[in-house]
């Protein structure tokens, strides 16, 4: 039976982001993708067989210059669907509730990128997660990570390199945030859909809390963590309690899903 793909609903933030992307559409013909090293047969074979979907998206046309063929294994659809229909196809298979949140997060991300000096934009990457409807009718949770791949002469971002992983087994709740970070100047920001303000991760979780969270994600006990970080057993449990409250997680498992799913460790 042919899968029924959800109807696409567009919200205000979606339109705002589309307007920002469309602002450089006049340069489509004069600024194509410069770096086509991904067409190297060896690299292409690696991408097609990797556990993650890889794509290159032209923001001006919302078309994919490249989509790895393993998209069929992970998303359940053929790469030809993406290449022919572009970004709109992937939007249609997203869970409608998550889709609305993602565009709110993307709007905040793009405002931050627009405020960043053009020469520094190349060092930025951002990530968020959402549910999709797999071709088999079941839902999958996907972590999408994007890197600024190319800019035009005026500094506008024209292409994104995206990598998508199935994290269904990692994250069970529907909490959605986005992480924006720069590998150049080490800036990091966390966005929430219901809060337009930008906050640095260290205002969400401190450096010490992230150290504790990393060891927790590795399955370490509180005693091991205390010995490893030279802190008391009581301090470890206090950090654990504070992190659960800060991230609005229900329990330790939810906390681990939060920090792993959002790339905080």
C-alpha atoms as a PDB file:
ATOM      1  CA  UNK A   1       0.000   0.000   0.000  1.00  0.00           C
ATOM      2  CA  UNK A   2       1.339   3.383  -0.935  1.00  0.00           C
ATOM      3  CA  UNK A   3       2.256   5.484   2.085  1.00  0.00           C
ATOM      4  CA  UNK A   4       0.057   8.502   2.759  1.00  0.00           C
ATOM      5  CA  UNK A   5       2.387  11.478   3.166  1.00  0.00           C
ATOM      6  CA  UNK A   6       1.174  14.255   5.433  1.00  0.00           C
ATOM      7  CA  UNK A   7      -0.042  17.515   3.954  1.00  0.00           C
ATOM      8  CA  UNK A   8       2.475  20.339   4.267  1.00  0.00           C
ATOM      9  CA  UNK A   9       1.385  23.224   6.459  1.00  0.00           C
ATOM     10  CA  UNK A  10       3.358  26.459   6.317  1.00  0.00           C
ATOM     11  CA  UNK A  11       3.674  28.746   9.355  1.00  0.00           C
ATOM     12  CA  UNK A  12       4.915  32.322   9.729  1.00  0.00           C
ATOM     13  CA  UNK A  13       8.490  31.326  10.590  1.00  0.00           C
ATOM     14  CA  UNK A  14       8.623  29.081   7.538  1.00  0.00           C
ATOM     15  CA  UNK A  15       7.729  32.003   5.314  1.00  0.00           C
ATOM     16  CA  UNK A  16      10.293  34.245   7.023  1.00  0.00           C
ATOM     17  CA  UNK A  17      13.122  31.751   6.488  1.00  0.00           C
ATOM     18  CA  UNK A  18      12.063  31.176   2.878  1.00  0.00           C
ATOM     19  CA  UNK A  19      12.231  34.940   2.336  1.00  0.00           C
ATOM     20  CA  UNK A  20      15.775  35.069   3.731  1.00  0.00           C
ATOM     21  CA  UNK A  21      16.861  32.196   1.499  1.00  0.00           C
ATOM     22  CA  UNK A  22      15.114  33.656  -1.545  1.00  0.00           C
ATOM     23  CA  UNK A  23      16.936  36.985  -1.160  1.00  0.00           C
ATOM     24  CA  UNK A  24      19.935  35.609  -3.069  1.00  0.00           C
ATOM     25  CA  UNK A  25      17.939  33.716  -5.717  1.00  0.00           C
ATOM     26  CA  UNK A  26      19.031  36.119  -8.473  1.00  0.00           C
ATOM     27  CA  UNK A  27      22.546  34.727  -8.181  1.00  0.00           C
ATOM     28  CA  UNK A  28      21.601  31.084  -8.747  1.00  0.00           C
ATOM     29  CA  UNK A  29      23.048  30.924 -12.245  1.00  0.00           C
ATOM     30  CA  UNK A  30      26.255  32.716 -11.346  1.00  0.00           C
ATOM     31  CA  UNK A  31      27.012  30.934  -8.101  1.00  0.00           C
ATOM     32  CA  UNK A  32      26.680  27.179  -8.405  1.00  0.00           C
ATOM     33  CA  UNK A  33      28.301  24.679  -6.099  1.00  0.00           C
ATOM     34  CA  UNK A  34      32.048  25.190  -6.415  1.00  0.00           C
ATOM     35  CA  UNK A  35      33.385  22.196  -4.497  1.00  0.00           C
ATOM     36  CA  UNK A  36      32.255  18.948  -6.134  1.00  0.00           C
ATOM     37  CA  UNK A  37      34.785  16.656  -4.462  1.00  0.00           C
ATOM     38  CA  UNK A  38      31.870  14.588  -3.149  1.00  0.00           C
ATOM     39  CA  UNK A  39      31.561  13.129  -6.657  1.00  0.00           C
ATOM     40  CA  UNK A  40      34.840  11.267  -6.128  1.00  0.00           C
ATOM     41  CA  UNK A  41      33.858   7.577  -6.644  1.00  0.00           C
ATOM     42  CA  UNK A  42      35.533   6.382  -3.435  1.00  0.00           C
ATOM     43  CA  UNK A  43      33.964   9.080  -1.249  1.00  0.00           C
ATOM     44  CA  UNK A  44      30.621   8.604  -2.985  1.00  0.00           C
ATOM     45  CA  UNK A  45      30.695   4.898  -2.175  1.00  0.00           C
ATOM     46  CA  UNK A  46      31.462   5.651   1.486  1.00  0.00           C
ATOM     47  CA  UNK A  47      28.579   8.135   1.764  1.00  0.00           C
ATOM     48  CA  UNK A  48      26.127   5.769   0.090  1.00  0.00           C
ATOM     49  CA  UNK A  49      26.980   2.993   2.559  1.00  0.00           C
ATOM     50  CA  UNK A  50      27.347   5.045   5.746  1.00  0.00           C
ATOM     51  CA  UNK A  51      24.827   4.826   8.635  1.00  0.00           C
ATOM     52  CA  UNK A  52      23.836   8.463   8.015  1.00  0.00           C
ATOM     53  CA  UNK A  53      22.067  10.187   5.137  1.00  0.00           C
ATOM     54  CA  UNK A  54      24.220  12.916   3.571  1.00  0.00           C
ATOM     55  CA  UNK A  55      22.906  15.694   1.373  1.00  0.00           C
ATOM     56  CA  UNK A  56      23.902  19.022  -0.129  1.00  0.00           C
ATOM     57  CA  UNK A  57      21.069  21.546  -0.244  1.00  0.00           C
ATOM     58  CA  UNK A  58      20.974  24.670  -2.403  1.00  0.00           C
ATOM     59  CA  UNK A  59      19.026  27.113  -0.212  1.00  0.00           C
ATOM     60  CA  UNK A  60      18.143  29.409  -3.110  1.00  0.00           C
ATOM     61  CA  UNK A  61      16.249  26.736  -5.032  1.00  0.00           C
ATOM     62  CA  UNK A  62      15.521  24.363  -2.123  1.00  0.00           C
ATOM     63  CA  UNK A  63      16.843  21.609  -4.380  1.00  0.00           C
ATOM     64  CA  UNK A  64      19.377  18.950  -3.445  1.00  0.00           C
ATOM     65  CA  UNK A  65      22.620  18.904  -5.413  1.00  0.00           C
ATOM     66  CA  UNK A  66      23.336  15.530  -3.846  1.00  0.00           C
ATOM     67  CA  UNK A  67      21.516  12.951  -1.689  1.00  0.00           C
ATOM     68  CA  UNK A  68      23.225   9.718  -0.653  1.00  0.00           C
ATOM     69  CA  UNK A  69      21.465   6.574  -1.855  1.00  0.00           C
ATOM     70  CA  UNK A  70      21.212   5.134   1.670  1.00  0.00           C
ATOM     71  CA  UNK A  71      18.267   7.506   2.182  1.00  0.00           C
ATOM     72  CA  UNK A  72      16.129   4.522   1.176  1.00  0.00           C
ATOM     73  CA  UNK A  73      17.518   2.413   4.039  1.00  0.00           C
ATOM     74  CA  UNK A  74      17.138   5.132   6.681  1.00  0.00           C
ATOM     75  CA  UNK A  75      14.105   7.176   5.598  1.00  0.00           C
ATOM     76  CA  UNK A  76      12.413   4.543   3.444  1.00  0.00           C
ATOM     77  CA  UNK A  77      12.252   6.661   0.282  1.00  0.00           C
ATOM     78  CA  UNK A  78      14.305   6.783  -2.892  1.00  0.00           C
ATOM     79  CA  UNK A  79      16.933   9.472  -3.492  1.00  0.00           C
ATOM     80  CA  UNK A  80      15.116  10.293  -6.732  1.00  0.00           C
ATOM     81  CA  UNK A  81      12.173  11.592  -4.629  1.00  0.00           C
ATOM     82  CA  UNK A  82      14.523  14.109  -3.031  1.00  0.00           C
ATOM     83  CA  UNK A  83      16.342  15.061  -6.217  1.00  0.00           C
ATOM     84  CA  UNK A  84      13.138  15.604  -8.199  1.00  0.00           C
ATOM     85  CA  UNK A  85      10.961  17.256  -5.522  1.00  0.00           C
ATOM     86  CA  UNK A  86      13.669  18.942  -3.469  1.00  0.00           C
ATOM     87  CA  UNK A  87      13.331  20.053   0.120  1.00  0.00           C
ATOM     88  CA  UNK A  88       9.534  20.002  -0.120  1.00  0.00           C
ATOM     89  CA  UNK A  89       9.503  16.196  -0.199  1.00  0.00           C
ATOM     90  CA  UNK A  90      11.385  15.899   3.082  1.00  0.00           C
ATOM     91  CA  UNK A  91       9.118  18.504   4.653  1.00  0.00           C
ATOM     92  CA  UNK A  92       6.059  16.430   3.780  1.00  0.00           C
ATOM     93  CA  UNK A  93       7.267  13.341   5.624  1.00  0.00           C
ATOM     94  CA  UNK A  94       8.039  15.236   8.858  1.00  0.00           C
ATOM     95  CA  UNK A  95       5.601  14.945  11.737  1.00  0.00           C
ATOM     96  CA  UNK A  96       3.351  18.053  11.481  1.00  0.00           C
ATOM     97  CA  UNK A  97       3.815  19.012  15.152  1.00  0.00           C
ATOM     98  CA  UNK A  98       7.595  18.777  14.882  1.00  0.00           C
ATOM     99  CA  UNK A  99       7.627  20.627  11.562  1.00  0.00           C
ATOM    100  CA  UNK A 100       6.081  23.720  13.123  1.00  0.00           C
ATOM    101  CA  UNK A 101       8.672  23.714  15.917  1.00  0.00           C
ATOM    102  CA  UNK A 102      11.591  23.187  13.527  1.00  0.00           C
ATOM    103  CA  UNK A 103      10.734  26.288  11.494  1.00  0.00           C
ATOM    104  CA  UNK A 104      10.546  28.360  14.684  1.00  0.00           C
ATOM    105  CA  UNK A 105      13.996  27.074  15.614  1.00  0.00           C
ATOM    106  CA  UNK A 106      15.362  27.640  12.108  1.00  0.00           C
ATOM    107  CA  UNK A 107      14.098  31.211  12.135  1.00  0.00           C
ATOM    108  CA  UNK A 108      16.084  31.896  15.318  1.00  0.00           C
ATOM    109  CA  UNK A 109      19.155  30.153  13.887  1.00  0.00           C
ATOM    110  CA  UNK A 110      19.011  32.208  10.709  1.00  0.00           C
ATOM    111  CA  UNK A 111      18.612  35.470  12.596  1.00  0.00           C
ATOM    112  CA  UNK A 112      21.775  34.618  14.525  1.00  0.00           C
ATOM    113  CA  UNK A 113      23.642  33.725  11.322  1.00  0.00           C
ATOM    114  CA  UNK A 114      22.500  36.953   9.650  1.00  0.00           C
ATOM    115  CA  UNK A 115      23.964  38.880  12.590  1.00  0.00           C
ATOM    116  CA  UNK A 116      27.272  37.036  12.236  1.00  0.00           C
ATOM    117  CA  UNK A 117      29.950  38.711  10.073  1.00  0.00           C
ATOM    118  CA  UNK A 118      30.002  36.916   6.666  1.00  0.00           C
ATOM    119  CA  UNK A 119      33.640  35.751   6.957  1.00  0.00           C
ATOM    120  CA  UNK A 120      32.780  33.866  10.163  1.00  0.00           C
ATOM    121  CA  UNK A 121      29.614  32.152   8.917  1.00  0.00           C
ATOM    122  CA  UNK A 122      31.570  29.351   7.250  1.00  0.00           C
ATOM    123  CA  UNK A 123      32.581  27.990  10.646  1.00  0.00           C
ATOM    124  CA  UNK A 124      29.016  27.451  11.862  1.00  0.00           C
ATOM    125  CA  UNK A 125      26.980  24.283  12.141  1.00  0.00           C
ATOM    126  CA  UNK A 126      23.582  23.635  13.674  1.00  0.00           C
ATOM    127  CA  UNK A 127      21.490  20.638  14.677  1.00  0.00           C
ATOM    128  CA  UNK A 128      17.976  19.689  15.733  1.00  0.00           C
ATOM    129  CA  UNK A 129      15.789  16.576  15.724  1.00  0.00           C
ATOM    130  CA  UNK A 130      12.292  15.643  14.610  1.00  0.00           C
ATOM    131  CA  UNK A 131      10.068  12.710  13.718  1.00  0.00           C
ATOM    132  CA  UNK A 132       9.452  11.522  10.178  1.00  0.00           C
ATOM    133  CA  UNK A 133       6.968   9.069   8.725  1.00  0.00           C
ATOM    134  CA  UNK A 134       8.957   6.155   7.325  1.00  0.00           C
ATOM    135  CA  UNK A 135       7.717   4.498   4.163  1.00  0.00           C
ATOM    136  CA  UNK A 136       6.600   1.520   6.293  1.00  0.00           C
ATOM    137  CA  UNK A 137       4.183   3.812   8.139  1.00  0.00           C
ATOM    138  CA  UNK A 138       6.161   3.864  11.386  1.00  0.00           C
ATOM    139  CA  UNK A 139       7.738   6.979  12.870  1.00  0.00           C
ATOM    140  CA  UNK A 140      11.480   7.516  13.127  1.00  0.00           C
ATOM    141  CA  UNK A 141      13.266  10.254  15.067  1.00  0.00           C
ATOM    142  CA  UNK A 142      15.991  11.926  13.030  1.00  0.00           C
ATOM    143  CA  UNK A 143      18.898  14.074  14.207  1.00  0.00           C
ATOM    144  CA  UNK A 144      19.724  16.548  11.433  1.00  0.00           C
ATOM    145  CA  UNK A 145      23.129  18.264  11.552  1.00  0.00           C
ATOM    146  CA  UNK A 146      23.985  20.993   9.055  1.00  0.00           C
ATOM    147  CA  UNK A 147      27.234  22.743   8.199  1.00  0.00           C
ATOM    148  CA  UNK A 148      27.594  25.943   6.160  1.00  0.00           C
ATOM    149  CA  UNK A 149      29.192  24.613   2.983  1.00  0.00           C
ATOM    150  CA  UNK A 150      29.299  27.612   0.652  1.00  0.00           C
ATOM    151  CA  UNK A 151      28.567  31.348   0.519  1.00  0.00           C
ATOM    152  CA  UNK A 152      28.232  33.715  -2.410  1.00  0.00           C
ATOM    153  CA  UNK A 153      30.436  36.769  -2.965  1.00  0.00           C
ATOM    154  CA  UNK A 154      28.272  38.905  -0.688  1.00  0.00           C
ATOM    155  CA  UNK A 155      28.557  36.380   2.135  1.00  0.00           C
ATOM    156  CA  UNK A 156      25.039  34.940   1.889  1.00  0.00           C
ATOM    157  CA  UNK A 157      24.853  31.214   2.614  1.00  0.00           C
ATOM    158  CA  UNK A 158      23.965  29.313  -0.562  1.00  0.00           C
ATOM    159  CA  UNK A 159      24.621  25.663   0.313  1.00  0.00           C
ATOM    160  CA  UNK A 160      24.346  23.478   3.406  1.00  0.00           C
ATOM    161  CA  UNK A 161      25.946  20.094   3.997  1.00  0.00           C
ATOM    162  CA  UNK A 162      23.452  17.986   5.938  1.00  0.00           C
ATOM    163  CA  UNK A 163      23.950  14.711   7.791  1.00  0.00           C
ATOM    164  CA  UNK A 164      20.925  12.867   9.196  1.00  0.00           C
ATOM    165  CA  UNK A 165      21.020  10.016  11.721  1.00  0.00           C
ATOM    166  CA  UNK A 166      18.267   7.791  13.086  1.00  0.00           C
ATOM    167  CA  UNK A 167      18.184   8.395  16.866  1.00  0.00           C
ATOM    168  CA  UNK A 168      14.867   6.673  17.523  1.00  0.00           C
ATOM    169  CA  UNK A 169      16.543   4.350  20.042  1.00  0.00           C
ATOM    170  CA  UNK A 170      18.279   7.279  21.776  1.00  0.00           C
ATOM    171  CA  UNK A 171      15.491   9.767  22.308  1.00  0.00           C
ATOM    172  CA  UNK A 172      11.944   8.899  23.318  1.00  0.00           C
ATOM    173  CA  UNK A 173      10.463  12.254  24.403  1.00  0.00           C
ATOM    174  CA  UNK A 174       9.355  15.102  22.141  1.00  0.00           C
ATOM    175  CA  UNK A 175      11.476  17.873  23.651  1.00  0.00           C
ATOM    176  CA  UNK A 176      12.902  19.954  20.806  1.00  0.00           C
ATOM    177  CA  UNK A 177      15.766  22.430  20.909  1.00  0.00           C
ATOM    178  CA  UNK A 178      18.377  23.507  18.366  1.00  0.00           C
ATOM    179  CA  UNK A 179      22.110  23.899  18.849  1.00  0.00           C
ATOM    180  CA  UNK A 180      24.139  26.434  16.853  1.00  0.00           C
ATOM    181  CA  UNK A 181      27.898  26.443  17.259  1.00  0.00           C
ATOM    182  CA  UNK A 182      31.024  27.765  15.602  1.00  0.00           C
ATOM    183  CA  UNK A 183      34.191  25.734  15.271  1.00  0.00           C
ATOM    184  CA  UNK A 184      36.097  28.949  14.552  1.00  0.00           C
ATOM    185  CA  UNK A 185      35.406  31.178  17.544  1.00  0.00           C
ATOM    186  CA  UNK A 186      33.921  28.443  19.792  1.00  0.00           C
ATOM    187  CA  UNK A 187      30.590  30.231  20.238  1.00  0.00           C
ATOM    188  CA  UNK A 188      27.604  28.061  21.090  1.00  0.00           C
ATOM    189  CA  UNK A 189      23.896  28.846  21.345  1.00  0.00           C
ATOM    190  CA  UNK A 190      20.814  26.881  22.312  1.00  0.00           C
ATOM    191  CA  UNK A 191      17.358  27.767  20.973  1.00  0.00           C
ATOM    192  CA  UNK A 192      13.919  26.751  22.175  1.00  0.00           C
ATOM    193  CA  UNK A 193      10.723  27.123  20.179  1.00  0.00           C
ATOM    194  CA  UNK A 194       8.878  29.015  22.923  1.00  0.00           C
ATOM    195  CA  UNK A 195      11.700  31.410  23.746  1.00  0.00           C
ATOM    196  CA  UNK A 196      13.095  33.765  21.103  1.00  0.00           C
ATOM    197  CA  UNK A 197      16.137  34.553  23.211  1.00  0.00           C
ATOM    198  CA  UNK A 198      19.484  32.989  22.468  1.00  0.00           C
ATOM    199  CA  UNK A 199      21.186  31.301  25.382  1.00  0.00           C
ATOM    200  CA  UNK A 200      24.639  29.855  25.620  1.00  0.00           C
ATOM    201  CA  UNK A 201      24.801  26.165  26.596  1.00  0.00           C
ATOM    202  CA  UNK A 202      26.777  26.969  29.709  1.00  0.00           C
ATOM    203  CA  UNK A 203      23.668  28.751  30.990  1.00  0.00           C
ATOM    204  CA  UNK A 204      21.790  25.489  30.425  1.00  0.00           C
ATOM    205  CA  UNK A 205      24.447  23.059  31.625  1.00  0.00           C
ATOM    206  CA  UNK A 206      27.750  24.079  33.185  1.00  0.00           C
ATOM    207  CA  UNK A 207      31.100  22.686  32.088  1.00  0.00           C
ATOM    208  CA  UNK A 208      31.192  20.417  35.140  1.00  0.00           C
ATOM    209  CA  UNK A 209      27.622  19.253  34.531  1.00  0.00           C
ATOM    210  CA  UNK A 210      28.509  18.372  30.930  1.00  0.00           C
ATOM    211  CA  UNK A 211      31.460  16.333  32.229  1.00  0.00           C
ATOM    212  CA  UNK A 212      29.118  14.465  34.548  1.00  0.00           C
ATOM    213  CA  UNK A 213      26.555  14.018  31.761  1.00  0.00           C
ATOM    214  CA  UNK A 214      29.194  12.579  29.409  1.00  0.00           C
ATOM    215  CA  UNK A 215      30.182   9.939  31.953  1.00  0.00           C
ATOM    216  CA  UNK A 216      26.527   9.189  32.638  1.00  0.00           C
ATOM    217  CA  UNK A 217      25.987   8.645  28.908  1.00  0.00           C
ATOM    218  CA  UNK A 218      28.832   6.121  29.041  1.00  0.00           C
ATOM    219  CA  UNK A 219      26.904   4.198  31.702  1.00  0.00           C
ATOM    220  CA  UNK A 220      29.197   5.117  34.593  1.00  0.00           C
ATOM    221  CA  UNK A 221      27.960   4.915  38.192  1.00  0.00           C
ATOM    222  CA  UNK A 222      27.808   7.921  40.524  1.00  0.00           C
ATOM    223  CA  UNK A 223      30.705   6.454  42.537  1.00  0.00           C
ATOM    224  CA  UNK A 224      32.841   6.088  39.410  1.00  0.00           C
ATOM    225  CA  UNK A 225      32.015   9.647  38.317  1.00  0.00           C
ATOM    226  CA  UNK A 226      32.841  10.997  41.773  1.00  0.00           C
ATOM    227  CA  UNK A 227      36.228   9.281  41.774  1.00  0.00           C
ATOM    228  CA  UNK A 228      36.966  10.255  38.171  1.00  0.00           C
ATOM    229  CA  UNK A 229      36.191  13.958  38.701  1.00  0.00           C
ATOM    230  CA  UNK A 230      37.529  14.139  42.265  1.00  0.00           C
ATOM    231  CA  UNK A 231      34.180  15.234  43.702  1.00  0.00           C
ATOM    232  CA  UNK A 232      31.913  13.711  46.310  1.00  0.00           C
ATOM    233  CA  UNK A 233      29.175  11.175  45.648  1.00  0.00           C
ATOM    234  CA  UNK A 234      26.659  13.725  46.972  1.00  0.00           C
ATOM    235  CA  UNK A 235      27.925  16.370  44.524  1.00  0.00           C
ATOM    236  CA  UNK A 236      27.447  13.995  41.582  1.00  0.00           C
ATOM    237  CA  UNK A 237      23.839  13.349  42.574  1.00  0.00           C
ATOM    238  CA  UNK A 238      23.271  17.091  43.053  1.00  0.00           C
ATOM    239  CA  UNK A 239      24.570  17.728  39.526  1.00  0.00           C
ATOM    240  CA  UNK A 240      22.317  14.964  38.227  1.00  0.00           C
ATOM    241  CA  UNK A 241      19.252  16.479  39.925  1.00  0.00           C
ATOM    242  CA  UNK A 242      20.068  20.009  38.706  1.00  0.00           C
ATOM    243  CA  UNK A 243      20.594  18.836  35.109  1.00  0.00           C
ATOM    244  CA  UNK A 244      17.264  17.016  35.063  1.00  0.00           C
ATOM    245  CA  UNK A 245      15.552  20.216  36.240  1.00  0.00           C
ATOM    246  CA  UNK A 246      17.422  22.483  33.791  1.00  0.00           C
ATOM    247  CA  UNK A 247      16.674  20.303  30.767  1.00  0.00           C
ATOM    248  CA  UNK A 248      13.120  19.524  31.927  1.00  0.00           C
ATOM    249  CA  UNK A 249      13.866  15.825  31.614  1.00  0.00           C
ATOM    250  CA  UNK A 250      11.703  13.298  33.433  1.00  0.00           C
ATOM    251  CA  UNK A 251      14.574  11.143  34.644  1.00  0.00           C
ATOM    252  CA  UNK A 252      18.233  10.248  34.108  1.00  0.00           C
ATOM    253  CA  UNK A 253      17.438   8.379  30.892  1.00  0.00           C
ATOM    254  CA  UNK A 254      15.682  11.440  29.519  1.00  0.00           C
ATOM    255  CA  UNK A 255      18.660  13.603  30.469  1.00  0.00           C
ATOM    256  CA  UNK A 256      21.066  11.326  28.598  1.00  0.00           C
ATOM    257  CA  UNK A 257      18.772  11.377  25.554  1.00  0.00           C
ATOM    258  CA  UNK A 258      18.686  15.182  25.745  1.00  0.00           C
ATOM    259  CA  UNK A 259      22.457  15.739  25.823  1.00  0.00           C
ATOM    260  CA  UNK A 260      23.235  13.063  23.236  1.00  0.00           C
ATOM    261  CA  UNK A 261      20.342  13.874  20.914  1.00  0.00           C
ATOM    262  CA  UNK A 262      21.197  17.575  20.864  1.00  0.00           C
ATOM    263  CA  UNK A 263      24.932  17.145  20.465  1.00  0.00           C
ATOM    264  CA  UNK A 264      25.887  18.698  23.814  1.00  0.00           C
ATOM    265  CA  UNK A 265      28.492  16.022  24.550  1.00  0.00           C
END
